[in-house]
């Protein structure tokens, strides 16, 4: 059995919680007001107007019938109707009715008046728009036509405007109050979402204070507890690994001193190379751990940072397509080190390099293409592991300790981004870096 809304209807509904909540509150109010308005206009206003218009038309019919009767004084009859029924009457001789029809099909007054006049007269013309408070009505006669100026209040009730005002004003008032309350209720959720987003990007956020409804406060308290546990775990891990790495320097130094006393220079040289490699690993990790823990988030021009890195290498075969003025909130030195590692790898193993950076609505993308040997598909996930090296020409270097791509991936992911390796159009390696904007 299927439950829920159809996909087409879901696409029409708003995506944000505030607007969905507002729709839940405002929709019943609007539907109720529309229903009441329809019932009022159909059962009261239209029927009242119909009765008033019918009475008016009957009065006009009575006047015309009496006017045709020779036993009545026409001037006295016109004066009586004018004084008692508030009519302005004039007989126009030797004239015909206008042919242009100024009736409004959407106007209830025009529709009702036309319907009632049609039932009593065969030749008539009227206009309800020429005057603000009067209806211009002409009824044909044998030698001309009668000109009537009738107050609009004779065919319409003024209570309709007051009803429309009183039915509209409370609706807007209630919706405005609902907007204020909903804004106040959704604000803590937005604050919690922003704090989660910033924490996911690795930013240092201040003490988060939950607010709002009980359920939102509970979610906020749990988030704050989780954040503190994660920070405590990361700090303990970094301190432990930094301590181990720092303590390993002492035995390595002793090993280097003992190697200097070995008479076999070839063995001493090989062992020294291994010791130097281990020392490079420790230095790289200690540098990364210390910079990661002390680096603060700041806003900087990522385009300028990347251009400065490219210019530092002074390699003529680097082609740049970098969009100007792309500002990013992050840890500048860590991102500089990440991009430096990626460009070092490209320069070390290739001759031609293409670098592109662009910005979309919510993502910054950096693409580095080279024409080097590339990385096999089955090794592209492994190269992000710490101290992992491919036993091929691209990774078989004594100067490499296998931390470059691992550190680069860790930096990108700590900013909430992603890094991928693909085959380049230059037949080498393509590195794609995505950062949330």
Protein backbone atom coordinates (compact mmCIF):
# COMPACT_ATOMS: atom_id res chain seq x y z
CA UNK A 1 0.00 0.00 0.00
CA UNK A 2 1.31 3.46 -0.92
CA UNK A 3 1.28 6.27 1.60
CA UNK A 4 2.27 9.88 1.13
CA UNK A 5 2.04 12.50 -1.56
CA UNK A 6 2.75 12.01 -5.24
CA UNK A 7 6.08 13.14 -6.63
CA UNK A 8 4.50 15.94 -8.70
CA UNK A 9 2.74 17.35 -5.64
CA UNK A 10 5.93 17.12 -3.57
CA UNK A 11 7.76 19.16 -6.19
CA UNK A 12 5.14 21.91 -5.87
CA UNK A 13 5.38 22.08 -2.08
CA UNK A 14 8.00 24.35 -0.47
CA UNK A 15 11.20 22.69 0.69
CA UNK A 16 11.97 24.78 3.79
CA UNK A 17 10.38 23.99 7.17
CA UNK A 18 9.32 27.61 7.75
CA UNK A 19 7.31 27.82 4.53
CA UNK A 20 5.82 24.35 5.03
CA UNK A 21 4.70 25.31 8.55
CA UNK A 22 3.33 28.59 7.22
CA UNK A 23 1.41 26.67 4.56
CA UNK A 24 -0.08 24.38 7.24
CA UNK A 25 -1.22 27.41 9.26
CA UNK A 26 -2.25 29.76 6.44
CA UNK A 27 -4.00 27.28 4.12
CA UNK A 28 -6.94 26.50 6.48
CA UNK A 29 -7.40 30.22 7.23
CA UNK A 30 -7.46 31.15 3.54
CA UNK A 31 -9.76 28.25 2.61
CA UNK A 32 -12.13 29.17 5.44
CA UNK A 33 -12.19 32.84 4.41
CA UNK A 34 -12.82 31.94 0.76
CA UNK A 35 -15.64 29.58 1.75
CA UNK A 36 -17.28 32.20 3.98
CA UNK A 37 -16.93 34.83 1.24
CA UNK A 38 -18.51 32.56 -1.38
CA UNK A 39 -21.40 31.70 0.93
CA UNK A 40 -21.90 35.36 1.82
CA UNK A 41 -21.85 36.67 -1.76
CA UNK A 42 -23.99 33.83 -3.05
CA UNK A 43 -26.62 33.67 -0.33
CA UNK A 44 -26.73 37.25 0.94
CA UNK A 45 -25.08 39.87 -1.21
CA UNK A 46 -26.13 38.59 -4.66
CA UNK A 47 -29.66 37.78 -3.53
CA UNK A 48 -29.98 41.17 -1.84
CA UNK A 49 -28.74 42.94 -4.97
CA UNK A 50 -31.12 40.89 -7.08
CA UNK A 51 -34.09 41.96 -4.95
CA UNK A 52 -33.02 45.64 -4.97
CA UNK A 53 -32.48 45.60 -8.74
CA UNK A 54 -35.82 43.92 -9.37
CA UNK A 55 -37.59 46.57 -7.27
CA UNK A 56 -35.81 49.32 -9.20
CA UNK A 57 -36.76 47.86 -12.58
CA UNK A 58 -40.38 47.51 -11.47
CA UNK A 59 -40.37 51.19 -10.46
CA UNK A 60 -38.99 52.13 -13.89
CA UNK A 61 -41.66 49.98 -15.54
CA UNK A 62 -44.35 51.67 -13.46
CA UNK A 63 -43.08 55.11 -14.46
CA UNK A 64 -43.00 54.31 -18.17
CA UNK A 65 -46.48 52.73 -18.10
CA UNK A 66 -47.86 55.76 -16.23
CA UNK A 67 -46.02 58.15 -18.58
CA UNK A 68 -47.72 56.55 -21.57
CA UNK A 69 -51.16 56.98 -19.98
CA UNK A 70 -52.66 60.27 -21.15
CA UNK A 71 -54.65 60.85 -17.93
CA UNK A 72 -51.47 61.57 -15.92
CA UNK A 73 -49.60 64.86 -16.02
CA UNK A 74 -46.17 63.94 -17.35
CA UNK A 75 -44.30 66.78 -15.63
CA UNK A 76 -45.98 66.06 -12.30
CA UNK A 77 -45.25 62.33 -12.67
CA UNK A 78 -41.59 63.02 -13.42
CA UNK A 79 -41.35 65.36 -10.43
CA UNK A 80 -42.95 62.80 -8.08
CA UNK A 81 -40.57 60.02 -9.10
CA UNK A 82 -37.61 62.37 -8.85
CA UNK A 83 -38.49 63.60 -5.37
CA UNK A 84 -39.68 60.33 -3.82
CA UNK A 85 -37.52 57.72 -5.56
CA UNK A 86 -34.37 59.82 -6.06
CA UNK A 87 -34.46 59.51 -9.85
CA UNK A 88 -33.11 62.06 -12.31
CA UNK A 89 -35.37 61.58 -15.32
CA UNK A 90 -35.26 63.22 -18.73
CA UNK A 91 -36.99 62.35 -21.98
CA UNK A 92 -34.81 62.77 -25.06
CA UNK A 93 -36.79 63.15 -28.27
CA UNK A 94 -35.79 62.14 -31.77
CA UNK A 95 -32.72 60.25 -30.57
CA UNK A 96 -31.79 56.59 -30.69
CA UNK A 97 -30.00 54.50 -28.06
CA UNK A 98 -26.23 54.17 -28.30
CA UNK A 99 -25.03 51.03 -30.06
CA UNK A 100 -21.83 50.61 -28.05
CA UNK A 101 -22.31 48.26 -25.14
CA UNK A 102 -20.37 49.22 -21.98
CA UNK A 103 -21.58 46.36 -19.82
CA UNK A 104 -19.02 44.47 -17.75
CA UNK A 105 -19.48 40.70 -17.90
CA UNK A 106 -17.53 40.15 -14.64
CA UNK A 107 -19.54 42.69 -12.60
CA UNK A 108 -22.36 41.26 -10.42
CA UNK A 109 -24.20 44.62 -10.62
CA UNK A 110 -24.12 44.64 -14.43
CA UNK A 111 -25.18 41.01 -14.70
CA UNK A 112 -28.15 41.41 -12.33
CA UNK A 113 -29.25 44.69 -13.91
CA UNK A 114 -29.06 43.25 -17.41
CA UNK A 115 -31.05 40.18 -16.38
CA UNK A 116 -33.85 42.20 -14.78
CA UNK A 117 -34.03 44.81 -17.56
CA UNK A 118 -34.21 42.08 -20.19
CA UNK A 119 -37.28 40.60 -18.51
CA UNK A 120 -39.16 43.94 -18.61
CA UNK A 121 -37.84 45.90 -21.61
CA UNK A 122 -36.81 45.04 -25.14
CA UNK A 123 -34.76 48.17 -25.88
CA UNK A 124 -32.38 49.51 -23.24
CA UNK A 125 -28.79 50.66 -22.61
CA UNK A 126 -26.88 51.32 -19.40
CA UNK A 127 -23.41 52.23 -18.18
CA UNK A 128 -22.19 51.74 -14.58
CA UNK A 129 -18.64 53.08 -15.06
CA UNK A 130 -19.10 56.62 -16.38
CA UNK A 131 -20.01 58.00 -12.93
CA UNK A 132 -18.71 56.96 -9.56
CA UNK A 133 -22.04 56.99 -7.69
CA UNK A 134 -24.59 56.94 -10.53
CA UNK A 135 -25.89 54.51 -13.13
CA UNK A 136 -26.57 55.95 -16.58
CA UNK A 137 -29.66 54.10 -17.87
CA UNK A 138 -31.52 54.68 -21.15
CA UNK A 139 -34.80 52.94 -22.06
CA UNK A 140 -36.16 53.25 -25.58
CA UNK A 141 -39.52 54.90 -26.37
CA UNK A 142 -41.48 55.39 -29.58
CA UNK A 143 -40.10 58.86 -30.37
CA UNK A 144 -36.84 58.80 -28.40
CA UNK A 145 -35.69 57.38 -25.07
CA UNK A 146 -35.89 58.00 -21.35
CA UNK A 147 -32.64 59.07 -19.63
CA UNK A 148 -32.38 57.88 -15.99
CA UNK A 149 -29.56 58.72 -13.55
CA UNK A 150 -29.95 56.31 -10.64
CA UNK A 151 -27.80 56.18 -7.47
CA UNK A 152 -25.80 52.96 -7.28
CA UNK A 153 -26.91 52.48 -3.70
CA UNK A 154 -30.35 51.54 -5.15
CA UNK A 155 -28.91 48.30 -6.61
CA UNK A 156 -26.05 47.37 -4.28
CA UNK A 157 -25.49 47.04 -0.56
CA UNK A 158 -22.62 48.97 1.03
CA UNK A 159 -22.28 46.29 3.72
CA UNK A 160 -20.35 44.13 1.24
CA UNK A 161 -17.31 46.41 1.46
CA UNK A 162 -17.37 46.35 5.25
CA UNK A 163 -17.76 42.58 5.19
CA UNK A 164 -14.81 42.24 2.80
CA UNK A 165 -12.72 44.47 5.07
CA UNK A 166 -13.60 42.59 8.25
CA UNK A 167 -13.09 39.20 6.67
CA UNK A 168 -9.74 40.15 5.08
CA UNK A 169 -8.17 42.10 7.93
CA UNK A 170 -8.38 39.28 10.54
CA UNK A 171 -6.97 36.82 8.01
CA UNK A 172 -3.92 39.00 7.34
CA UNK A 173 -3.56 39.68 11.06
CA UNK A 174 -3.62 35.97 11.93
CA UNK A 175 -1.17 35.08 9.14
CA UNK A 176 1.19 37.88 10.27
CA UNK A 177 1.10 36.61 13.86
CA UNK A 178 1.68 33.06 12.58
CA UNK A 179 4.71 34.23 10.56
CA UNK A 180 6.23 35.88 13.64
CA UNK A 181 5.69 32.79 15.82
CA UNK A 182 6.91 30.38 13.12
CA UNK A 183 10.00 32.52 12.52
CA UNK A 184 10.74 32.35 16.23
CA UNK A 185 10.23 28.57 16.29
CA UNK A 186 12.30 27.76 13.20
CA UNK A 187 15.18 30.06 14.13
CA UNK A 188 16.68 27.55 16.65
CA UNK A 189 16.53 24.81 13.99
CA UNK A 190 18.37 27.04 11.51
CA UNK A 191 20.96 27.90 14.18
CA UNK A 192 21.48 24.20 14.95
CA UNK A 193 21.82 23.40 11.23
CA UNK A 194 24.40 26.17 10.74
CA UNK A 195 26.37 25.01 13.79
CA UNK A 196 26.34 21.43 12.47
CA UNK A 197 27.47 22.61 9.03
CA UNK A 198 30.33 24.67 10.47
CA UNK A 199 31.41 21.80 12.71
CA UNK A 200 31.28 19.41 9.75
CA UNK A 201 33.65 21.72 7.87
CA UNK A 202 36.12 21.61 10.74
CA UNK A 203 35.53 25.17 11.93
CA UNK A 204 35.95 26.08 15.58
CA UNK A 205 32.54 27.15 16.85
CA UNK A 206 31.76 28.81 20.13
CA UNK A 207 29.72 27.17 22.86
CA UNK A 208 26.38 26.29 21.28
CA UNK A 209 23.35 27.28 23.36
CA UNK A 210 20.19 25.31 22.55
CA UNK A 211 16.93 27.26 22.41
CA UNK A 212 13.38 26.94 21.16
CA UNK A 213 10.87 24.16 21.82
CA UNK A 214 11.64 21.21 24.08
CA UNK A 215 12.35 18.82 21.20
CA UNK A 216 14.67 21.32 19.51
CA UNK A 217 16.49 21.97 22.78
CA UNK A 218 16.97 18.23 23.28
CA UNK A 219 18.42 17.87 19.77
CA UNK A 220 20.69 20.86 20.48
CA UNK A 221 21.91 19.39 23.78
CA UNK A 222 22.67 16.06 22.11
CA UNK A 223 24.53 17.82 19.30
CA UNK A 224 26.63 19.77 21.81
CA UNK A 225 27.46 16.59 23.74
CA UNK A 226 28.40 14.82 20.50
CA UNK A 227 30.56 17.76 19.41
CA UNK A 228 32.47 17.78 22.68
CA UNK A 229 33.00 14.01 22.56
CA UNK A 230 34.33 14.20 19.00
CA UNK A 231 36.65 17.10 19.83
CA UNK A 232 37.90 15.32 22.93
CA UNK A 233 38.50 12.13 20.95
CA UNK A 234 40.35 13.97 18.17
CA UNK A 235 42.49 15.90 20.65
CA UNK A 236 43.38 12.72 22.55
CA UNK A 237 44.29 10.94 19.33
CA UNK A 238 46.38 13.83 18.03
CA UNK A 239 48.16 14.27 21.37
CA UNK A 240 48.88 10.56 21.64
CA UNK A 241 50.20 10.25 18.08
CA UNK A 242 52.17 13.47 18.41
CA UNK A 243 53.68 12.21 21.66
CA UNK A 244 54.61 8.88 20.11
CA UNK A 245 56.09 10.59 17.07
CA UNK A 246 58.03 12.99 19.25
CA UNK A 247 59.34 10.20 21.50
CA UNK A 248 60.52 8.21 18.48
CA UNK A 249 62.96 10.95 17.58
CA UNK A 250 65.24 10.03 20.49
CA UNK A 251 65.87 6.37 19.48
CA UNK A 252 66.21 7.45 15.84
CA UNK A 253 68.90 9.90 16.84
CA UNK A 254 70.72 7.15 18.78
CA UNK A 255 70.44 4.81 15.76
CA UNK A 256 71.96 7.48 13.51
CA UNK A 257 74.88 7.89 15.94
CA UNK A 258 75.46 4.13 16.07
CA UNK A 259 75.31 3.89 12.27
CA UNK A 260 78.23 6.29 12.05
CA UNK A 261 80.43 3.70 13.81
CA UNK A 262 79.63 0.89 11.35
CA UNK A 263 82.66 0.18 9.21
CA UNK A 264 80.70 -1.25 6.26
CA UNK A 265 79.77 1.97 4.48
CA UNK A 266 77.28 0.33 2.10
CA UNK A 267 75.22 -1.16 4.91
CA UNK A 268 75.50 2.09 6.86
CA UNK A 269 74.27 4.05 3.87
CA UNK A 270 71.20 1.81 3.33
CA UNK A 271 70.28 1.88 7.00
CA UNK A 272 70.72 5.65 7.11
CA UNK A 273 68.33 6.04 4.20
CA UNK A 274 65.69 4.02 6.06
CA UNK A 275 66.22 6.08 9.20
CA UNK A 276 65.94 9.33 7.22
CA UNK A 277 62.71 8.08 5.66
CA UNK A 278 61.28 7.33 9.10
CA UNK A 279 62.36 10.76 10.30
CA UNK A 280 60.65 12.42 7.33
CA UNK A 281 57.46 10.57 8.16
CA UNK A 282 57.59 11.81 11.75
CA UNK A 283 58.36 15.37 10.71
CA UNK A 284 55.52 15.43 8.17
CA UNK A 285 53.02 14.08 10.64
CA UNK A 286 54.11 16.39 13.47
CA UNK A 287 53.91 19.41 11.17
CA UNK A 288 50.45 18.42 9.97
CA UNK A 289 49.13 17.66 13.47
CA UNK A 290 50.43 20.92 14.92
CA UNK A 291 49.06 23.09 12.07
CA UNK A 292 45.68 21.36 12.14
CA UNK A 293 45.18 21.95 15.86
CA UNK A 294 46.25 25.62 15.85
CA UNK A 295 44.87 26.84 12.50
CA UNK A 296 41.90 29.21 12.72
CA UNK A 297 39.14 29.70 10.17
CA UNK A 298 39.33 32.87 8.08
CA UNK A 299 37.92 34.33 4.86
CA UNK A 300 40.46 34.55 2.04
CA UNK A 301 40.72 34.72 -1.74
CA UNK A 302 41.18 31.13 -2.92
CA UNK A 303 41.87 32.28 -6.49
CA UNK A 304 44.82 34.38 -5.38
CA UNK A 305 46.13 31.55 -3.21
CA UNK A 306 46.13 29.10 -6.12
CA UNK A 307 47.72 31.62 -8.50
CA UNK A 308 50.53 32.32 -6.04
CA UNK A 309 51.22 28.59 -5.72
CA UNK A 310 51.38 28.16 -9.51
CA UNK A 311 53.67 31.17 -9.92
CA UNK A 312 55.98 29.80 -7.23
CA UNK A 313 56.77 26.73 -9.32
CA UNK A 314 57.72 28.83 -12.38
CA UNK A 315 56.86 26.01 -14.77
CA UNK A 316 56.01 27.18 -18.28
CA UNK A 317 53.89 24.12 -19.09
CA UNK A 318 51.19 24.97 -16.53
CA UNK A 319 47.98 26.31 -18.10
CA UNK A 320 45.64 28.13 -15.71
CA UNK A 321 41.90 28.79 -16.03
CA UNK A 322 41.08 30.31 -12.66
CA UNK A 323 37.92 32.30 -11.96
CA UNK A 324 38.64 35.61 -10.25
CA UNK A 325 37.65 36.61 -6.71
CA UNK A 326 36.50 33.31 -5.23
CA UNK A 327 36.35 33.85 -1.48
CA UNK A 328 36.25 30.91 0.91
CA UNK A 329 35.89 30.44 4.67
CA UNK A 330 38.48 27.93 5.83
CA UNK A 331 41.95 27.33 7.20
CA UNK A 332 44.21 29.01 4.71
CA UNK A 333 47.56 27.40 5.56
CA UNK A 334 46.08 23.89 5.52
CA UNK A 335 44.46 24.41 2.11
CA UNK A 336 47.70 25.90 0.83
CA UNK A 337 49.56 22.79 1.97
CA UNK A 338 46.91 20.53 0.39
CA UNK A 339 47.08 22.25 -3.01
CA UNK A 340 50.86 22.40 -2.78
CA UNK A 341 51.01 18.60 -2.28
CA UNK A 342 48.72 17.98 -5.26
CA UNK A 343 50.69 20.31 -7.54
CA UNK A 344 54.00 18.86 -6.36
CA UNK A 345 52.85 15.41 -7.42
CA UNK A 346 51.70 16.69 -10.81
CA UNK A 347 54.96 18.57 -11.46
CA UNK A 348 57.13 15.69 -10.27
CA UNK A 349 55.65 13.08 -12.60
CA UNK A 350 54.44 15.04 -15.66
CA UNK A 351 55.45 17.66 -18.22
CA UNK A 352 52.16 19.41 -19.00
CA UNK A 353 49.60 20.50 -16.42
CA UNK A 354 46.18 22.12 -16.72
CA UNK A 355 44.64 23.77 -13.66
CA UNK A 356 41.03 24.99 -13.59
CA UNK A 357 39.01 26.50 -10.78
CA UNK A 358 35.39 27.65 -10.96
CA UNK A 359 32.49 28.40 -8.66
CA UNK A 360 28.87 27.31 -8.97
CA UNK A 361 25.94 28.23 -6.74
CA UNK A 362 27.14 26.10 -3.81
CA UNK A 363 30.41 24.41 -4.83
CA UNK A 364 33.98 25.42 -5.62
CA UNK A 365 35.68 22.95 -7.96
CA UNK A 366 39.44 22.67 -8.58
CA UNK A 367 40.63 20.33 -11.36
CA UNK A 368 44.30 19.46 -11.91
CA UNK A 369 45.12 17.49 -15.09
CA UNK A 370 48.56 16.15 -16.00
CA UNK A 371 50.09 13.92 -18.67
CA UNK A 372 52.04 11.70 -16.25
CA UNK A 373 51.86 7.93 -15.77
CA UNK A 374 48.62 8.24 -13.78
CA UNK A 375 47.33 5.93 -11.08
CA UNK A 376 45.56 2.61 -11.82
CA UNK A 377 41.88 2.49 -10.97
CA UNK A 378 42.35 -0.25 -8.39
CA UNK A 379 44.90 1.90 -6.53
CA UNK A 380 43.04 5.22 -6.46
CA UNK A 381 41.40 4.55 -3.11
CA UNK A 382 44.55 3.09 -1.56
CA UNK A 383 46.76 6.11 -2.26
CA UNK A 384 44.73 8.12 0.26
CA UNK A 385 45.78 5.73 3.03
CA UNK A 386 48.64 6.99 5.26
CA UNK A 387 52.15 5.78 4.33
CA UNK A 388 50.84 3.92 1.29
CA UNK A 389 53.06 3.99 -1.80
CA UNK A 390 52.60 2.40 -5.23
CA UNK A 391 55.58 0.29 -6.28
CA UNK A 392 55.72 1.94 -9.68
CA UNK A 393 57.47 4.91 -11.20
CA UNK A 394 54.91 7.39 -9.93
CA UNK A 395 55.28 6.48 -6.25
CA UNK A 396 58.66 4.76 -6.05
CA UNK A 397 60.68 7.63 -4.66
CA UNK A 398 62.83 7.70 -1.54
CA UNK A 399 61.82 11.30 -0.91
CA UNK A 400 58.18 10.31 -0.56
CA UNK A 401 56.80 8.92 2.68
CA UNK A 402 53.26 8.26 1.43
CA UNK A 403 51.53 11.02 3.39
CA UNK A 404 50.99 13.67 0.69
CA UNK A 405 47.64 12.50 -0.70
CA UNK A 406 46.52 11.28 2.72
CA UNK A 407 47.09 14.72 4.24
CA UNK A 408 45.48 16.43 1.22
CA UNK A 409 42.38 14.22 1.51
CA UNK A 410 42.15 14.81 5.26
CA UNK A 411 42.34 18.60 4.79
CA UNK A 412 39.68 18.64 2.07
CA UNK A 413 37.31 16.39 4.01
CA UNK A 414 37.82 18.43 7.20
CA UNK A 415 36.45 21.41 5.24
CA UNK A 416 33.36 19.42 4.24
CA UNK A 417 34.62 18.79 0.71
CA UNK A 418 35.60 15.80 -1.38
CA UNK A 419 38.54 14.73 -3.53
CA UNK A 420 38.47 12.28 -6.44
CA UNK A 421 41.03 10.77 -8.81
CA UNK A 422 40.16 10.10 -12.45
CA UNK A 423 41.83 9.62 -15.81
CA UNK A 424 42.87 12.94 -17.32
CA UNK A 425 42.12 13.99 -20.92
CA UNK A 426 45.92 14.41 -21.14
CA UNK A 427 46.19 10.62 -20.56
CA UNK A 428 47.56 11.16 -17.06
CA UNK A 429 45.89 11.77 -13.71
CA UNK A 430 42.99 14.12 -13.00
CA UNK A 431 42.53 15.34 -9.43
CA UNK A 432 39.11 16.83 -8.73
CA UNK A 433 38.63 18.80 -5.52
CA UNK A 434 35.18 19.99 -4.39
CA UNK A 435 34.70 22.48 -1.58
CA UNK A 436 31.28 23.60 -0.25
CA UNK A 437 30.57 27.27 -0.84
